[in-house]
């Protein structure tokens, strides 16, 4: 059971990191578009 929890936590952290990366990338694109 412990291994299952660890894999779930690591998967959740991976997904969160990917979402954060996409969010920051999108923000950079938006800011560069509005940076006249």
Protein backbone atom coordinates (compact mmCIF):
# COMPACT_ATOMS: atom_id res chain seq x y z
CA UNK A 1 0.00 0.00 0.00
CA UNK A 2 2.87 2.38 0.74
CA UNK A 3 4.24 2.08 -2.80
CA UNK A 4 0.80 2.86 -4.21
CA UNK A 5 0.58 6.06 -2.15
CA UNK A 6 4.08 7.10 -3.20
CA UNK A 7 3.27 6.60 -6.89
CA UNK A 8 0.03 8.59 -6.52
CA UNK A 9 1.84 11.43 -4.76
CA UNK A 10 4.64 11.54 -7.33
CA UNK A 11 2.08 11.47 -10.16
CA UNK A 12 0.16 14.33 -8.52
CA UNK A 13 3.36 16.34 -8.08
CA UNK A 14 4.30 15.70 -11.72
CA UNK A 15 0.89 16.88 -12.94
CA UNK A 16 1.05 19.96 -10.70
CA UNK A 17 4.52 20.85 -11.96
CA UNK A 18 3.39 20.45 -15.57
CA UNK A 19 0.36 22.67 -14.95
CA UNK A 20 2.56 25.31 -13.29
CA UNK A 21 4.97 25.18 -16.24
CA UNK A 22 2.17 25.57 -18.78
CA UNK A 23 0.65 28.41 -16.77
CA UNK A 24 3.94 30.33 -16.56
CA UNK A 25 4.59 29.73 -20.27
CA UNK A 26 1.13 31.05 -21.15
CA UNK A 27 1.66 34.10 -18.92
CA UNK A 28 4.98 34.83 -20.63
CA UNK A 29 3.30 34.61 -24.05
CA UNK A 30 0.49 36.94 -22.97
CA UNK A 31 2.89 39.47 -21.45
CA UNK A 32 5.16 39.43 -24.52
CA UNK A 33 2.12 39.97 -26.76
CA UNK A 34 0.99 42.99 -24.74
CA UNK A 35 4.53 44.34 -24.30
CA UNK A 36 4.42 46.95 -27.06
